[in-house]
Amino acid sequence: MVDPNAVYREQLFELGALLRSARQQQGKTLEALAEKTLIRASLMAAIEQGDLEALPEPVYIRGLIRRYGDALQLDGETLASQFFAPPRIQRRSWKETPAAQLRPLHLYGAYFMLLVAAISGLSYVLRQTAPEVTVLPPLNPLDGTTTQPAPSAGSDSLPATAAPAPAEPQSPIQVRMTLTAQSWLRITSDGKTEFEGILQPGDTRMWTADEALTIRAGNAGGVMVSYNDRQAEALGQPGMVREITFSPAEAISLAW
């Protein structure tokens, strides 16, 4: 049976990852933030880990996310609006409820699919209209051996996306990524995390690997990828979480 809370756990996991990255970027501990926000450190840790069962009622989770985000100088209200709280988690089996014996199974399946579609559409609209809430700087790892220095604070020029030098040897796996909408991303090359943060519409990156390249996107519909100069395709549907691994032989889609 499909877990009706799976979508909400994914939302909480992505928001928690963003908050954790911002906290670590600012060098703050959970204990220090607990004194500032009056939120127990264990609750903030549960948010960062996406542990839905360890948190209170959904309406309080939104309030905790808002206060946590504001404490990190992010837009807490926007962050909280991206968490669509599930109904109260049922503790007894669905088969034991009277409704399970009164209604056909296909009606429950249709209702759940309609709920997922509505949440996905609203999430996509909010992601398009919400202001940027990340403090993570965009990275530009074009290959595994060189790193471009970040521009100075007084520089007027923006970091440009450079194409790989023609003279450099070709890697077995080359994935070019272009953003059509804002999305949280985590890139893992040969088991090493190369990037984790938010990219904006129009951003383009080239990622390479020798054995495996894994891309996890919070808004799969806004991420266009081209594997080894093939035709670019979207990772998935707008507003949905998707993870995919590219190998030298083929691309392997993982569960989401």
C-alpha atoms as a PDB file:
ATOM      1  CA  MET A   1       0.000   0.000   0.000  1.00  0.00           C
ATOM      2  CA  VAL A   2       1.280   3.479  -0.902  1.00  0.00           C
ATOM      3  CA  ASP A   3       2.204   5.575   2.111  1.00  0.00           C
ATOM      4  CA  PRO A   4       0.071   8.776   1.906  1.00  0.00           C
ATOM      5  CA  ASN A   5       2.683  10.640   3.958  1.00  0.00           C
ATOM      6  CA  ALA A   6       5.562   9.927   1.510  1.00  0.00           C
ATOM      7  CA  VAL A   7       5.110  13.243  -0.336  1.00  0.00           C
ATOM      8  CA  TYR A   8       5.179  15.194   2.908  1.00  0.00           C
ATOM      9  CA  ARG A   9       8.291  13.397   4.137  1.00  0.00           C
ATOM     10  CA  GLU A  10      10.039  14.351   0.894  1.00  0.00           C
ATOM     11  CA  GLN A  11       9.038  18.012   1.376  1.00  0.00           C
ATOM     12  CA  LEU A  12      10.263  18.007   4.978  1.00  0.00           C
ATOM     13  CA  PHE A  13      13.522  16.266   3.956  1.00  0.00           C
ATOM     14  CA  GLU A  14      14.341  18.884   1.292  1.00  0.00           C
ATOM     15  CA  LEU A  15      13.491  21.818   3.589  1.00  0.00           C
ATOM     16  CA  GLY A  16      15.552  20.245   6.386  1.00  0.00           C
ATOM     17  CA  ALA A  17      18.532  19.775   4.057  1.00  0.00           C
ATOM     18  CA  LEU A  18      18.364  23.449   3.068  1.00  0.00           C
ATOM     19  CA  LEU A  19      18.188  24.604   6.697  1.00  0.00           C
ATOM     20  CA  ARG A  20      21.046  22.316   7.702  1.00  0.00           C
ATOM     21  CA  SER A  21      23.250  23.586   4.866  1.00  0.00           C
ATOM     22  CA  ALA A  22      22.519  27.215   5.768  1.00  0.00           C
ATOM     23  CA  ARG A  23      23.247  26.563   9.455  1.00  0.00           C
ATOM     24  CA  GLN A  24      26.552  24.850   8.694  1.00  0.00           C
ATOM     25  CA  GLN A  25      27.489  27.592   6.234  1.00  0.00           C
ATOM     26  CA  GLN A  26      27.008  30.152   9.007  1.00  0.00           C
ATOM     27  CA  GLY A  27      28.936  28.026  11.537  1.00  0.00           C
ATOM     28  CA  LYS A  28      26.052  27.815  14.030  1.00  0.00           C
ATOM     29  CA  THR A  29      25.208  24.877  16.288  1.00  0.00           C
ATOM     30  CA  LEU A  30      21.758  23.523  17.118  1.00  0.00           C
ATOM     31  CA  GLU A  31      22.332  24.385  20.785  1.00  0.00           C
ATOM     32  CA  ALA A  32      23.097  28.033  19.967  1.00  0.00           C
ATOM     33  CA  LEU A  33      19.995  28.292  17.778  1.00  0.00           C
ATOM     34  CA  ALA A  34      17.884  26.627  20.481  1.00  0.00           C
ATOM     35  CA  GLU A  35      18.708  29.489  22.873  1.00  0.00           C
ATOM     36  CA  LYS A  36      17.842  32.060  20.198  1.00  0.00           C
ATOM     37  CA  THR A  37      14.604  30.500  18.890  1.00  0.00           C
ATOM     38  CA  LEU A  38      13.430  28.753  22.107  1.00  0.00           C
ATOM     39  CA  ILE A  39      13.009  25.584  20.000  1.00  0.00           C
ATOM     40  CA  ARG A  40      14.460  22.387  21.429  1.00  0.00           C
ATOM     41  CA  ALA A  41      17.575  21.227  19.611  1.00  0.00           C
ATOM     42  CA  SER A  42      16.028  17.766  19.183  1.00  0.00           C
ATOM     43  CA  LEU A  43      13.100  19.263  17.222  1.00  0.00           C
ATOM     44  CA  MET A  44      15.423  21.221  14.926  1.00  0.00           C
ATOM     45  CA  ALA A  45      17.473  18.042  14.396  1.00  0.00           C
ATOM     46  CA  ALA A  46      14.262  16.169  13.463  1.00  0.00           C
ATOM     47  CA  ILE A  47      13.424  18.883  10.909  1.00  0.00           C
ATOM     48  CA  GLU A  48      16.905  18.655   9.378  1.00  0.00           C
ATOM     49  CA  GLN A  49      16.613  14.844   9.148  1.00  0.00           C
ATOM     50  CA  GLY A  50      13.050  14.913   7.767  1.00  0.00           C
ATOM     51  CA  ASP A  51      11.806  12.794  10.692  1.00  0.00           C
ATOM     52  CA  LEU A  52       8.035  13.448  10.479  1.00  0.00           C
ATOM     53  CA  GLU A  53       7.147  11.050  13.326  1.00  0.00           C
ATOM     54  CA  ALA A  54       9.440  12.836  15.816  1.00  0.00           C
ATOM     55  CA  LEU A  55       7.685  16.188  15.324  1.00  0.00           C
ATOM     56  CA  PRO A  56       4.393  17.552  16.717  1.00  0.00           C
ATOM     57  CA  GLU A  57       1.189  18.339  14.813  1.00  0.00           C
ATOM     58  CA  PRO A  58       1.717  19.589  11.205  1.00  0.00           C
ATOM     59  CA  VAL A  59       0.463  23.104  11.991  1.00  0.00           C
ATOM     60  CA  TYR A  60       3.229  23.402  14.612  1.00  0.00           C
ATOM     61  CA  ILE A  61       5.836  22.025  12.176  1.00  0.00           C
ATOM     62  CA  ARG A  62       5.154  24.972   9.835  1.00  0.00           C
ATOM     63  CA  GLY A  63       5.660  27.366  12.748  1.00  0.00           C
ATOM     64  CA  LEU A  64       8.940  25.681  13.728  1.00  0.00           C
ATOM     65  CA  ILE A  65      10.231  25.886  10.134  1.00  0.00           C
ATOM     66  CA  ARG A  66       9.316  29.588   9.970  1.00  0.00           C
ATOM     67  CA  ARG A  67      11.127  30.448  13.237  1.00  0.00           C
ATOM     68  CA  TYR A  68      14.139  28.290  12.334  1.00  0.00           C
ATOM     69  CA  GLY A  69      14.453  29.959   8.904  1.00  0.00           C
ATOM     70  CA  ASP A  70      14.134  33.470  10.343  1.00  0.00           C
ATOM     71  CA  ALA A  71      16.893  32.693  12.864  1.00  0.00           C
ATOM     72  CA  LEU A  72      19.205  31.873   9.924  1.00  0.00           C
ATOM     73  CA  GLN A  73      18.240  35.162   8.193  1.00  0.00           C
ATOM     74  CA  LEU A  74      16.252  33.282   5.542  1.00  0.00           C
ATOM     75  CA  ASP A  75      12.644  33.952   4.542  1.00  0.00           C
ATOM     76  CA  GLY A  76      11.000  31.716   7.134  1.00  0.00           C
ATOM     77  CA  GLU A  77       7.474  32.401   5.893  1.00  0.00           C
ATOM     78  CA  THR A  78       8.355  31.271   2.349  1.00  0.00           C
ATOM     79  CA  LEU A  79      10.081  28.150   3.659  1.00  0.00           C
ATOM     80  CA  ALA A  80       7.086  27.247   5.817  1.00  0.00           C
ATOM     81  CA  SER A  81       4.693  27.747   2.883  1.00  0.00           C
ATOM     82  CA  GLN A  82       6.498  24.985   0.968  1.00  0.00           C
ATOM     83  CA  PHE A  83       5.520  22.398   3.601  1.00  0.00           C
ATOM     84  CA  PHE A  84       2.038  21.080   2.878  1.00  0.00           C
ATOM     85  CA  ALA A  85       1.152  19.389   6.145  1.00  0.00           C
ATOM     86  CA  PRO A  86      -0.462  15.920   5.954  1.00  0.00           C
ATOM     87  CA  PRO A  87      -3.554  15.009   7.943  1.00  0.00           C
ATOM     88  CA  ARG A  88      -3.037  13.527  11.396  1.00  0.00           C
ATOM     89  CA  ILE A  89      -1.157  10.232  11.034  1.00  0.00           C
ATOM     90  CA  GLN A  90      -3.488   7.277  11.575  1.00  0.00           C
ATOM     91  CA  ARG A  91      -2.223   4.799  14.154  1.00  0.00           C
ATOM     92  CA  ARG A  92      -4.575   1.935  13.302  1.00  0.00           C
ATOM     93  CA  SER A  93      -4.777  -0.138  10.136  1.00  0.00           C
ATOM     94  CA  TRP A  94      -6.765   1.334   7.253  1.00  0.00           C
ATOM     95  CA  LYS A  95      -8.549  -1.990   6.838  1.00  0.00           C
ATOM     96  CA  GLU A  96     -10.009  -1.640  10.354  1.00  0.00           C
ATOM     97  CA  THR A  97     -11.799   1.643   9.616  1.00  0.00           C
ATOM     98  CA  PRO A  98     -15.546   1.604   8.742  1.00  0.00           C
ATOM     99  CA  ALA A  99     -14.877   3.599   5.561  1.00  0.00           C
ATOM    100  CA  ALA A 100     -12.670   0.791   4.202  1.00  0.00           C
ATOM    101  CA  GLN A 101     -15.671  -1.542   4.247  1.00  0.00           C
ATOM    102  CA  LEU A 102     -18.158   0.979   2.823  1.00  0.00           C
ATOM    103  CA  ARG A 103     -16.219   2.369  -0.208  1.00  0.00           C
ATOM    104  CA  PRO A 104     -14.574   0.591  -3.190  1.00  0.00           C
ATOM    105  CA  LEU A 105     -10.799   0.528  -3.258  1.00  0.00           C
ATOM    106  CA  HIS A 106     -10.597   2.342  -6.597  1.00  0.00           C
ATOM    107  CA  LEU A 107     -12.245   5.446  -5.060  1.00  0.00           C
ATOM    108  CA  TYR A 108      -9.458   5.687  -2.486  1.00  0.00           C
ATOM    109  CA  GLY A 109      -6.820   5.318  -5.203  1.00  0.00           C
ATOM    110  CA  ALA A 110      -8.422   8.063  -7.307  1.00  0.00           C
ATOM    111  CA  TYR A 111      -8.690  10.386  -4.289  1.00  0.00           C
ATOM    112  CA  PHE A 112      -5.012   9.891  -3.398  1.00  0.00           C
ATOM    113  CA  MET A 113      -3.829  10.520  -6.974  1.00  0.00           C
ATOM    114  CA  LEU A 114      -5.936  13.701  -7.129  1.00  0.00           C
ATOM    115  CA  LEU A 115      -4.425  14.885  -3.827  1.00  0.00           C
ATOM    116  CA  VAL A 116      -0.849  14.248  -5.058  1.00  0.00           C
ATOM    117  CA  ALA A 117      -1.526  16.088  -8.346  1.00  0.00           C
ATOM    118  CA  ALA A 118      -2.974  19.120  -6.535  1.00  0.00           C
ATOM    119  CA  ILE A 119      -0.062  19.312  -4.107  1.00  0.00           C
ATOM    120  CA  SER A 120       2.478  18.975  -6.933  1.00  0.00           C
ATOM    121  CA  GLY A 121       0.890  21.788  -8.945  1.00  0.00           C
ATOM    122  CA  LEU A 122       0.689  24.170  -5.991  1.00  0.00           C
ATOM    123  CA  SER A 123       4.267  23.355  -4.993  1.00  0.00           C
ATOM    124  CA  TYR A 124       5.464  24.216  -8.501  1.00  0.00           C
ATOM    125  CA  VAL A 125       3.663  27.597  -8.430  1.00  0.00           C
ATOM    126  CA  LEU A 126       5.194  28.466  -5.050  1.00  0.00           C
ATOM    127  CA  ARG A 127       8.678  27.480  -6.228  1.00  0.00           C
ATOM    128  CA  GLN A 128       8.302  29.777  -9.247  1.00  0.00           C
ATOM    129  CA  THR A 129       7.080  32.797  -7.254  1.00  0.00           C
ATOM    130  CA  ALA A 130       9.024  32.405  -3.994  1.00  0.00           C
ATOM    131  CA  PRO A 131      12.110  34.641  -3.544  1.00  0.00           C
ATOM    132  CA  GLU A 132      15.519  33.058  -3.238  1.00  0.00           C
ATOM    133  CA  VAL A 133      16.055  31.784   0.310  1.00  0.00           C
ATOM    134  CA  THR A 134      19.449  30.169   0.083  1.00  0.00           C
ATOM    135  CA  VAL A 135      22.707  31.497   1.421  1.00  0.00           C
ATOM    136  CA  LEU A 136      24.783  28.872  -0.376  1.00  0.00           C
ATOM    137  CA  PRO A 137      26.998  30.281  -3.162  1.00  0.00           C
ATOM    138  CA  PRO A 138      26.619  28.677  -6.596  1.00  0.00           C
ATOM    139  CA  LEU A 139      29.498  26.370  -7.465  1.00  0.00           C
ATOM    140  CA  ASN A 140      30.989  25.807 -10.885  1.00  0.00           C
ATOM    141  CA  PRO A 141      32.832  22.438 -10.791  1.00  0.00           C
ATOM    142  CA  LEU A 142      33.453  21.850 -14.488  1.00  0.00           C
ATOM    143  CA  ASP A 143      35.823  18.949 -13.905  1.00  0.00           C
ATOM    144  CA  GLY A 144      37.286  16.938 -11.039  1.00  0.00           C
ATOM    145  CA  THR A 145      40.821  18.388 -11.130  1.00  0.00           C
ATOM    146  CA  THR A 146      40.463  22.183 -11.173  1.00  0.00           C
ATOM    147  CA  THR A 147      38.460  24.646  -9.116  1.00  0.00           C
ATOM    148  CA  GLN A 148      37.834  28.224 -10.228  1.00  0.00           C
ATOM    149  CA  PRO A 149      38.390  30.868  -7.514  1.00  0.00           C
ATOM    150  CA  ALA A 150      35.340  32.818  -6.324  1.00  0.00           C
ATOM    151  CA  PRO A 151      35.156  36.522  -7.431  1.00  0.00           C
ATOM    152  CA  SER A 152      36.113  39.164  -4.901  1.00  0.00           C
ATOM    153  CA  ALA A 153      33.453  41.111  -2.983  1.00  0.00           C
ATOM    154  CA  GLY A 154      34.076  44.284  -5.011  1.00  0.00           C
ATOM    155  CA  SER A 155      33.949  42.609  -8.417  1.00  0.00           C
ATOM    156  CA  ASP A 156      31.152  43.739 -10.750  1.00  0.00           C
ATOM    157  CA  SER A 157      31.317  40.674 -12.953  1.00  0.00           C
ATOM    158  CA  LEU A 158      29.138  37.610 -12.360  1.00  0.00           C
ATOM    159  CA  PRO A 159      30.654  34.096 -12.353  1.00  0.00           C
ATOM    160  CA  ALA A 160      30.519  32.798 -15.919  1.00  0.00           C
ATOM    161  CA  THR A 161      29.882  29.194 -16.853  1.00  0.00           C
ATOM    162  CA  ALA A 162      32.901  28.102 -18.880  1.00  0.00           C
ATOM    163  CA  ALA A 163      32.808  25.238 -21.378  1.00  0.00           C
ATOM    164  CA  PRO A 164      35.280  22.369 -20.868  1.00  0.00           C
ATOM    165  CA  ALA A 165      38.613  23.001 -22.554  1.00  0.00           C
ATOM    166  CA  PRO A 166      38.792  21.025 -25.819  1.00  0.00           C
ATOM    167  CA  ALA A 167      42.335  19.871 -25.014  1.00  0.00           C
ATOM    168  CA  GLU A 168      41.290  18.127 -21.786  1.00  0.00           C
ATOM    169  CA  PRO A 169      40.640  14.347 -21.928  1.00  0.00           C
ATOM    170  CA  GLN A 170      36.994  13.304 -22.195  1.00  0.00           C
ATOM    171  CA  SER A 171      35.450  11.610 -19.144  1.00  0.00           C
ATOM    172  CA  PRO A 172      33.271   8.499 -19.625  1.00  0.00           C
ATOM    173  CA  ILE A 173      30.331  10.373 -18.069  1.00  0.00           C
ATOM    174  CA  GLN A 174      29.547  13.978 -19.032  1.00  0.00           C
ATOM    175  CA  VAL A 175      26.237  15.534 -18.011  1.00  0.00           C
ATOM    176  CA  ARG A 176      25.316  19.101 -18.968  1.00  0.00           C
ATOM    177  CA  MET A 177      22.589  20.640 -16.804  1.00  0.00           C
ATOM    178  CA  THR A 178      20.464  23.714 -17.592  1.00  0.00           C
ATOM    179  CA  LEU A 179      17.929  25.165 -15.129  1.00  0.00           C
ATOM    180  CA  THR A 180      14.560  26.364 -16.456  1.00  0.00           C
ATOM    181  CA  ALA A 181      13.223  26.946 -12.920  1.00  0.00           C
ATOM    182  CA  GLN A 182      14.710  27.279  -9.433  1.00  0.00           C
ATOM    183  CA  SER A 183      15.619  23.913  -7.892  1.00  0.00           C
ATOM    184  CA  TRP A 184      17.549  22.453  -4.965  1.00  0.00           C
ATOM    185  CA  LEU A 185      20.236  20.061  -6.204  1.00  0.00           C
ATOM    186  CA  ARG A 186      22.764  17.564  -4.863  1.00  0.00           C
ATOM    187  CA  ILE A 187      25.444  16.240  -7.253  1.00  0.00           C
ATOM    188  CA  THR A 188      27.517  13.145  -6.354  1.00  0.00           C
ATOM    189  CA  SER A 189      30.441  12.165  -8.602  1.00  0.00           C
ATOM    190  CA  ASP A 190      32.075   8.747  -8.054  1.00  0.00           C
ATOM    191  CA  GLY A 191      30.731   8.649  -4.476  1.00  0.00           C
ATOM    192  CA  LYS A 192      31.836  12.215  -3.571  1.00  0.00           C
ATOM    193  CA  THR A 193      29.350  15.066  -3.098  1.00  0.00           C
ATOM    194  CA  GLU A 194      30.455  17.829  -5.469  1.00  0.00           C
ATOM    195  CA  PHE A 195      27.584  20.295  -4.941  1.00  0.00           C
ATOM    196  CA  GLU A 196      24.541  20.794  -2.729  1.00  0.00           C
ATOM    197  CA  GLY A 197      22.442  23.955  -2.929  1.00  0.00           C
ATOM    198  CA  ILE A 198      19.959  25.920  -5.043  1.00  0.00           C
ATOM    199  CA  LEU A 199      20.501  26.936  -8.684  1.00  0.00           C
ATOM    200  CA  GLN A 200      18.468  29.582 -10.499  1.00  0.00           C
ATOM    201  CA  PRO A 201      16.729  29.633 -13.935  1.00  0.00           C
ATOM    202  CA  GLY A 202      19.304  30.051 -16.693  1.00  0.00           C
ATOM    203  CA  ASP A 203      22.177  28.485 -14.717  1.00  0.00           C
ATOM    204  CA  THR A 204      24.194  25.915 -16.693  1.00  0.00           C
ATOM    205  CA  ARG A 205      26.656  23.405 -15.259  1.00  0.00           C
ATOM    206  CA  MET A 206      28.775  20.554 -16.656  1.00  0.00           C
ATOM    207  CA  TRP A 207      29.453  17.565 -14.368  1.00  0.00           C
ATOM    208  CA  THR A 208      31.793  14.654 -15.105  1.00  0.00           C
ATOM    209  CA  ALA A 209      32.550  11.279 -13.539  1.00  0.00           C
ATOM    210  CA  ASP A 210      34.456   8.100 -14.297  1.00  0.00           C
ATOM    211  CA  GLU A 211      32.116   5.481 -12.782  1.00  0.00           C
ATOM    212  CA  ALA A 212      28.795   7.065 -11.672  1.00  0.00           C
ATOM    213  CA  LEU A 213      27.187  10.518 -11.482  1.00  0.00           C
ATOM    214  CA  THR A 214      24.063  10.919  -9.312  1.00  0.00           C
ATOM    215  CA  ILE A 215      21.729  13.947  -9.526  1.00  0.00           C
ATOM    216  CA  ARG A 216      19.007  14.568  -6.904  1.00  0.00           C
ATOM    217  CA  ALA A 217      16.649  17.458  -7.672  1.00  0.00           C
ATOM    218  CA  GLY A 218      13.895  19.006  -5.567  1.00  0.00           C
ATOM    219  CA  ASN A 219      12.105  20.380  -8.661  1.00  0.00           C
ATOM    220  CA  ALA A 220      12.774  17.778 -11.347  1.00  0.00           C
ATOM    221  CA  GLY A 221      10.687  19.587 -13.981  1.00  0.00           C
ATOM    222  CA  GLY A 222      12.990  22.614 -13.844  1.00  0.00           C
ATOM    223  CA  VAL A 223      16.217  20.651 -14.522  1.00  0.00           C
ATOM    224  CA  MET A 224      17.153  19.801 -18.131  1.00  0.00           C
ATOM    225  CA  VAL A 225      20.030  17.313 -18.513  1.00  0.00           C
ATOM    226  CA  SER A 226      22.037  16.152 -21.541  1.00  0.00           C
ATOM    227  CA  TYR A 227      23.980  12.908 -21.034  1.00  0.00           C
ATOM    228  CA  ASN A 228      27.137  12.634 -23.202  1.00  0.00           C
ATOM    229  CA  ASP A 229      25.879  15.283 -25.716  1.00  0.00           C
ATOM    230  CA  ARG A 230      22.514  13.572 -26.222  1.00  0.00           C
ATOM    231  CA  GLN A 231      19.255  15.512 -26.507  1.00  0.00           C
ATOM    232  CA  ALA A 232      18.424  17.390 -23.278  1.00  0.00           C
ATOM    233  CA  GLU A 233      15.437  16.110 -21.273  1.00  0.00           C
ATOM    234  CA  ALA A 234      13.728  17.139 -18.033  1.00  0.00           C
ATOM    235  CA  LEU A 235      14.524  14.978 -14.990  1.00  0.00           C
ATOM    236  CA  GLY A 236      10.835  14.632 -14.141  1.00  0.00           C
ATOM    237  CA  GLN A 237       7.619  16.494 -13.379  1.00  0.00           C
ATOM    238  CA  PRO A 238       7.565  20.082 -11.982  1.00  0.00           C
ATOM    239  CA  GLY A 239       7.645  20.232  -8.185  1.00  0.00           C
ATOM    240  CA  MET A 240       8.548  16.557  -7.723  1.00  0.00           C
ATOM    241  CA  VAL A 241      11.679  15.125  -6.095  1.00  0.00           C
ATOM    242  CA  ARG A 242      13.722  12.905  -8.444  1.00  0.00           C
ATOM    243  CA  GLU A 243      17.073  11.127  -8.227  1.00  0.00           C
ATOM    244  CA  ILE A 244      18.877   9.555 -11.186  1.00  0.00           C
ATOM    245  CA  THR A 245      22.306   7.934 -11.633  1.00  0.00           C
ATOM    246  CA  PHE A 246      24.302   8.001 -14.870  1.00  0.00           C
ATOM    247  CA  SER A 247      26.833   5.245 -15.600  1.00  0.00           C
ATOM    248  CA  PRO A 248      29.129   4.813 -18.644  1.00  0.00           C
ATOM    249  CA  ALA A 249      26.703   2.255 -20.097  1.00  0.00           C
ATOM    250  CA  GLU A 250      23.303   3.793 -19.333  1.00  0.00           C
ATOM    251  CA  ALA A 251      21.273   6.038 -17.018  1.00  0.00           C
ATOM    252  CA  ILE A 252      19.646   4.203 -14.090  1.00  0.00           C
ATOM    253  CA  SER A 253      16.493   5.805 -12.609  1.00  0.00           C
ATOM    254  CA  LEU A 254      16.089   5.425  -8.852  1.00  0.00           C
ATOM    255  CA  ALA A 255      12.894   5.447  -6.762  1.00  0.00           C
ATOM    256  CA  TRP A 256      11.490   8.760  -5.556  1.00  0.00           C
END
